[in-house]
Protein backbone atom coordinates (compact mmCIF):
# COMPACT_ATOMS: atom_id res chain seq x y z
CA MET A 1 86.11 112.77 92.62
CA THR A 2 84.87 116.28 93.51
CA ASN A 3 81.67 116.28 95.54
CA THR A 4 78.68 118.50 94.92
CA SER A 5 79.43 121.00 97.67
CA ASP A 6 82.95 121.51 96.34
CA LYS A 7 81.56 122.13 92.88
CA ASN A 8 79.07 124.63 94.22
CA ASP A 9 81.77 126.43 96.16
CA LEU A 10 83.81 126.69 92.95
CA ASN A 11 81.56 129.51 91.76
CA PHE A 12 82.65 131.62 94.73
CA ILE A 13 86.26 130.45 94.88
CA ASN A 14 87.17 134.15 94.80
CA PRO A 15 84.45 136.06 96.68
CA ASN A 16 86.17 139.43 96.10
CA TRP A 17 86.03 138.96 92.34
CA SER A 18 82.44 137.68 92.55
CA ALA A 19 81.43 140.81 94.48
CA PHE A 20 83.14 143.03 91.90
CA VAL A 21 81.31 141.24 89.08
CA LEU A 22 78.02 141.68 90.95
CA LEU A 23 78.66 145.41 91.34
CA VAL A 24 79.45 146.01 87.67
CA LEU A 25 76.44 143.88 86.77
CA VAL A 26 74.14 146.13 88.82
CA LEU A 27 75.80 149.21 87.28
CA SER A 28 75.16 147.84 83.79
CA MET A 29 71.51 147.15 84.62
CA PHE A 30 71.17 150.72 85.91
CA ASN A 31 72.72 152.03 82.68
CA SER A 32 70.33 149.94 80.59
CA TRP A 33 67.40 151.43 82.49
CA ALA A 34 68.84 154.95 82.08
CA LEU A 35 69.05 154.42 78.31
CA LEU A 36 65.26 154.35 78.25
CA LEU A 37 65.09 157.89 79.65
CA PRO A 38 65.05 161.01 77.45
CA LEU A 39 68.78 161.70 77.88
CA PRO A 40 71.05 163.50 75.39
CA GLN A 41 72.41 161.22 72.71
CA ASP A 42 76.00 161.66 73.84
CA ALA A 43 75.08 160.60 77.37
CA LYS A 44 73.44 157.47 75.98
CA THR A 45 76.60 156.80 73.96
CA VAL A 46 78.69 156.98 77.14
CA LEU A 47 76.37 154.58 78.97
CA THR A 48 76.48 152.19 76.01
CA ILE A 49 80.29 152.23 75.96
CA VAL A 50 80.40 151.43 79.68
CA ASN A 51 77.92 148.59 79.15
CA VAL A 52 80.12 147.14 76.42
CA ALA A 53 83.12 147.29 78.77
CA VAL A 54 81.06 145.50 81.44
CA SER A 55 80.20 142.82 78.87
CA PHE A 56 83.91 142.06 78.46
CA ILE A 57 84.25 141.75 82.26
CA LEU A 58 81.29 139.34 82.39
CA TRP A 59 82.68 137.30 79.51
CA ALA A 60 86.02 137.07 81.32
CA ASP A 61 84.20 135.89 84.46
CA PHE A 62 82.35 133.20 82.49
CA ILE A 63 85.62 131.92 81.02
CA TYR A 64 87.20 132.01 84.49
CA LEU A 65 84.40 129.94 86.03
CA LEU A 66 84.39 127.50 83.13
CA ARG A 67 88.15 126.94 83.32
CA GLN A 68 88.09 126.53 87.10
CA SER A 69 85.33 123.94 86.99
CA PRO A 70 86.65 120.32 87.02
CA ASP A 71 83.52 119.21 85.16
CA LYS A 72 82.47 121.54 82.32
CA HIS A 73 79.19 119.70 81.68
CA TYR A 74 78.26 119.85 85.37
CA PHE A 75 78.96 123.59 85.42
CA MET A 76 76.92 124.34 82.29
CA VAL A 77 73.93 122.15 83.24
CA LYS A 78 73.75 121.47 86.99
CA GLN A 79 75.23 124.81 88.01
CA HIS A 80 73.31 126.64 85.28
CA GLY A 81 76.43 127.95 83.56
CA TRP A 82 74.23 128.71 80.55
CA MET A 83 72.71 131.51 82.67
CA VAL A 84 76.20 132.97 83.15
CA LEU A 85 76.77 132.84 79.39
CA LEU A 86 73.38 134.33 78.52
CA GLY A 87 73.64 136.95 81.27
CA SER A 88 76.87 138.26 79.74
CA LEU A 89 74.80 139.79 76.93
CA PRO A 90 73.54 143.36 77.52
CA LEU A 91 69.84 142.52 77.18
CA PHE A 92 69.96 139.59 79.62
CA ARG A 93 71.77 141.00 82.65
CA PHE A 94 68.83 140.03 84.87
CA VAL A 95 69.53 136.36 84.03
CA ARG A 96 73.05 136.71 85.41
CA LEU A 97 71.68 138.33 88.57
CA GLY A 98 69.23 135.44 88.95
CA TRP A 99 72.09 132.95 88.60
CA PHE A 100 74.02 134.67 91.37
CA TRP A 101 71.03 134.46 93.71
CA LEU A 102 70.46 130.81 92.74
CA MET A 103 74.06 129.85 93.48
CA LEU A 104 73.92 131.54 96.87
CA ARG A 105 70.86 129.43 97.67
CA LYS A 106 72.58 126.26 96.49
CA ASN A 107 75.57 126.98 98.71
CA GLY A 108 73.30 127.62 101.67
CA ARG A 109 74.44 131.23 101.98
CA SER A 110 72.51 134.43 102.31
CA PHE A 111 73.53 137.61 100.53
CA ARG A 112 74.28 139.16 103.92
CA GLU A 113 76.66 136.31 104.81
CA PHE A 114 78.40 136.66 101.47
CA LEU A 115 79.01 140.39 101.99
CA SER A 116 79.98 139.90 105.64
CA HIS A 117 82.73 137.47 104.62
CA ILE A 118 84.21 140.07 102.27
CA VAL A 119 83.93 142.97 104.74
CA ILE A 120 85.49 141.00 107.59
CA LYS A 121 88.36 139.69 105.48
CA ARG A 122 89.18 143.11 103.95
CA SER A 123 92.06 141.86 101.82
CA ALA A 124 94.21 144.03 99.58
CA GLU A 125 92.65 142.33 96.55
CA GLY A 126 89.16 143.25 97.73
CA THR A 127 90.23 146.86 98.25
CA LEU A 128 91.70 147.07 94.76
CA LEU A 129 88.57 145.65 93.17
CA SER A 130 86.36 148.02 95.19
CA ILE A 131 88.46 150.97 94.08
CA SER A 132 88.30 149.75 90.47
CA PHE A 133 84.51 149.76 90.63
CA MET A 134 84.50 153.25 92.14
CA VAL A 135 86.77 154.46 89.33
CA ILE A 136 84.32 153.10 86.73
CA VAL A 137 81.34 154.81 88.40
CA ILE A 138 83.14 158.14 88.91
CA PHE A 139 84.61 158.07 85.41
CA GLN A 140 81.20 157.47 83.85
CA THR A 141 79.56 160.18 85.96
CA ALA A 142 82.31 162.70 85.13
CA VAL A 143 82.11 162.07 81.38
CA VAL A 144 78.32 162.44 81.30
CA SER A 145 78.43 165.56 83.49
CA ILE A 146 81.16 167.34 81.56
CA LEU A 147 79.34 166.74 78.28
CA TYR A 148 76.13 168.11 79.78
CA PHE A 149 77.82 171.33 80.90
CA GLU A 150 80.37 171.88 78.12
CA GLU A 151 78.99 170.45 74.89
CA ALA A 152 76.59 173.32 74.09
CA THR A 153 78.99 176.06 75.21
CA PRO A 154 80.04 178.24 72.21
CA ASP A 155 83.68 178.62 73.30
CA GLY A 156 83.99 175.14 74.85
CA ASN A 157 86.46 172.56 73.54
CA ILE A 158 84.92 169.42 75.07
CA THR A 159 82.28 168.85 72.44
CA SER A 160 82.29 165.11 71.72
CA VAL A 161 82.29 161.80 73.56
CA SER A 162 85.92 161.15 72.64
CA ASP A 163 86.90 164.61 73.96
CA ALA A 164 85.08 163.91 77.22
CA PHE A 165 86.71 160.50 77.68
CA TRP A 166 90.18 161.92 76.95
CA TRP A 167 89.62 164.83 79.34
CA ALA A 168 88.31 162.56 82.12
CA PHE A 169 91.21 160.13 81.76
CA SER A 170 93.89 162.84 81.85
CA THR A 171 92.14 164.54 84.78
CA VAL A 172 91.50 161.51 86.99
CA THR A 173 95.14 160.46 86.58
CA THR A 174 96.13 164.05 87.57
CA VAL A 175 98.19 164.36 84.36
CA GLY A 176 96.16 167.26 82.94
CA TYR A 177 97.54 167.83 79.43
CA GLY A 178 95.51 171.02 79.10
CA ASP A 179 94.40 170.41 75.50
CA ARG A 180 90.82 169.90 76.72
CA VAL A 181 89.63 172.11 79.58
CA PRO A 182 86.20 173.06 80.93
CA VAL A 183 85.18 176.71 80.50
CA THR A 184 81.94 176.78 82.49
CA ASN A 185 81.82 177.08 86.25
CA GLU A 186 79.85 173.84 86.52
CA GLY A 187 82.40 172.04 84.36
CA ARG A 188 85.25 173.37 86.50
CA ILE A 189 83.53 172.10 89.63
CA VAL A 190 83.27 168.65 88.02
CA ALA A 191 86.98 168.85 87.11
CA ALA A 192 87.99 169.85 90.64
CA LEU A 193 85.98 166.99 92.15
CA LEU A 194 87.43 164.53 89.64
CA MET A 195 91.01 165.63 90.40
CA ALA A 196 90.44 165.33 94.15
CA VAL A 197 88.89 161.90 93.74
CA GLY A 198 91.73 160.84 91.43
CA ILE A 199 94.38 161.78 93.99
CA ALA A 200 92.53 159.90 96.74
CA LEU A 201 91.81 156.83 94.63
CA PHE A 202 95.34 156.38 93.32
CA SER A 203 96.75 156.87 96.81
CA VAL A 204 94.55 154.03 98.01
CA ILE A 205 95.52 151.90 95.00
CA THR A 206 99.22 152.45 95.72
CA GLY A 207 98.75 151.53 99.38
CA SER A 208 96.74 148.41 98.49
CA LEU A 209 99.36 147.26 96.00
CA ALA A 210 102.08 147.76 98.61
CA GLN A 211 100.02 145.76 101.12
CA TRP A 212 99.50 142.98 98.59
CA PHE A 213 103.23 142.76 97.80
CA ARG A 214 104.15 142.75 101.49
CA GLY A 215 101.65 140.01 102.17
CA HIS A 216 102.94 137.98 99.24
CA GLN A 217 106.56 138.36 100.31
CA ALA A 218 105.71 137.53 103.92
CA GLU A 219 103.95 134.34 102.91
CA GLN A 220 106.75 133.13 100.65
CA PRO A 221 109.51 132.74 103.31
CA ARG A 222 107.08 130.96 105.65
CA HIS A 223 106.26 128.55 102.88
CA VAL A 224 109.94 127.87 102.20
CA VAL A 225 110.74 127.46 105.92
CA ASN A 226 107.81 125.11 106.41
CA LYS A 227 108.95 123.11 103.43
CA GLU A 228 112.51 122.91 104.78
CA ILE A 229 111.25 121.91 108.23
CA SER A 230 109.03 119.27 106.68
CA ASN A 231 111.91 117.84 104.64
CA ALA A 232 114.22 117.85 107.68
CA ASP A 233 111.62 116.04 109.79
CA THR A 234 111.15 113.45 107.06
CA ILE A 235 114.88 112.79 106.78
CA ALA A 236 115.23 112.50 110.55
CA ALA A 237 112.32 110.05 110.69
CA ILE A 238 113.91 107.89 107.98
CA TRP A 239 117.25 107.77 109.79
CA GLN A 240 115.48 106.87 113.01
CA LEU A 241 113.67 104.06 111.23
CA ILE A 242 116.94 102.74 109.78
CA GLU A 243 118.61 102.79 113.19
CA THR A 244 115.62 101.04 114.74
CA GLN A 245 115.77 98.32 112.09
CA GLU A 246 119.53 97.93 112.54
CA ASN A 247 119.13 97.59 116.31
CA ALA A 248 116.37 95.05 115.87
CA HIS A 249 118.46 92.97 113.45
CA GLN A 250 121.50 93.15 115.73
CA GLN A 251 119.45 91.88 118.64
CA SER A 252 118.06 89.05 116.50
CA ILE A 253 121.52 88.06 115.31
CA ALA A 254 122.88 88.17 118.86
CA GLU A 255 120.01 85.98 120.04
CA LEU A 256 120.67 83.46 117.23
CA LYS A 257 124.40 83.38 118.07
CA LYS A 258 123.61 82.76 121.74
CA ARG A 259 121.27 79.90 120.91
CA LEU A 260 123.80 78.41 118.50
CA ALA A 261 126.52 78.63 121.19
CA ASP A 262 124.23 76.94 123.72
CA LEU A 263 123.46 74.19 121.22
CA GLU A 264 127.18 73.58 120.51
CA ALA A 265 127.89 73.48 124.27
CA ASN A 266 125.15 70.89 124.79
CA LEU A 267 126.50 68.74 122.00
CA GLU A 268 130.02 68.82 123.40
CA ARG A 269 128.73 67.90 126.86
CA ASP A 270 126.84 64.93 125.48
CA GLY A 271 129.97 63.78 123.64
CA VAL A 272 128.42 64.02 120.26
């Protein structure tokens, strides 16, 4: 049966993913606060779209935690899984943040210790998730900025939220179809920064993926070799046991034969 500490640790079975979820949660809370400011309507639409995307990530995390838990009732009640479910809704992000803090306390960890574990480990998975969060932040910032500079321009062709998203996607991937281009100097500066960031980010993503594949391939042969060594040791131990038993039985039989021969010799000497 799983003990309590194991069940608590289940919530942070993947600290890299937990840190990514925490980051997008904070971003969503920031967006919700920004929606209260007197921003242009298109900017608010962009922030709302990002918040909806974050909701899907939080829902996926809730399903992940629920499936990983060996006891669903324990997770929902004792581990306050209902806070995870409620905190996946846009208006209750603070509940999810409170759950994260509560689970850290239950596991006897501080927030500093949690981050230190991730920074020290620095796995390829953690790098990929960090880059993914940076892409979300930069993408959102670029879309809002380009709309601010280009939307009211008479000869501009980035005039809607869909235009801005399409332009940002084609620019950050360095594809650049050219059907949507900034015409203001400020917009061109945003485009140049987004292209530079896109090149850097995807270079890091490629390197992290290569590192992850190399690590996976390096671990696989060791696993196979260890398994083969383990099987070979087991077989050798069994043969050794059989030989030991055979030797023991042979000695017992030899001892019985000797005693029987001595008994026969005694009988013959007594004339029986």
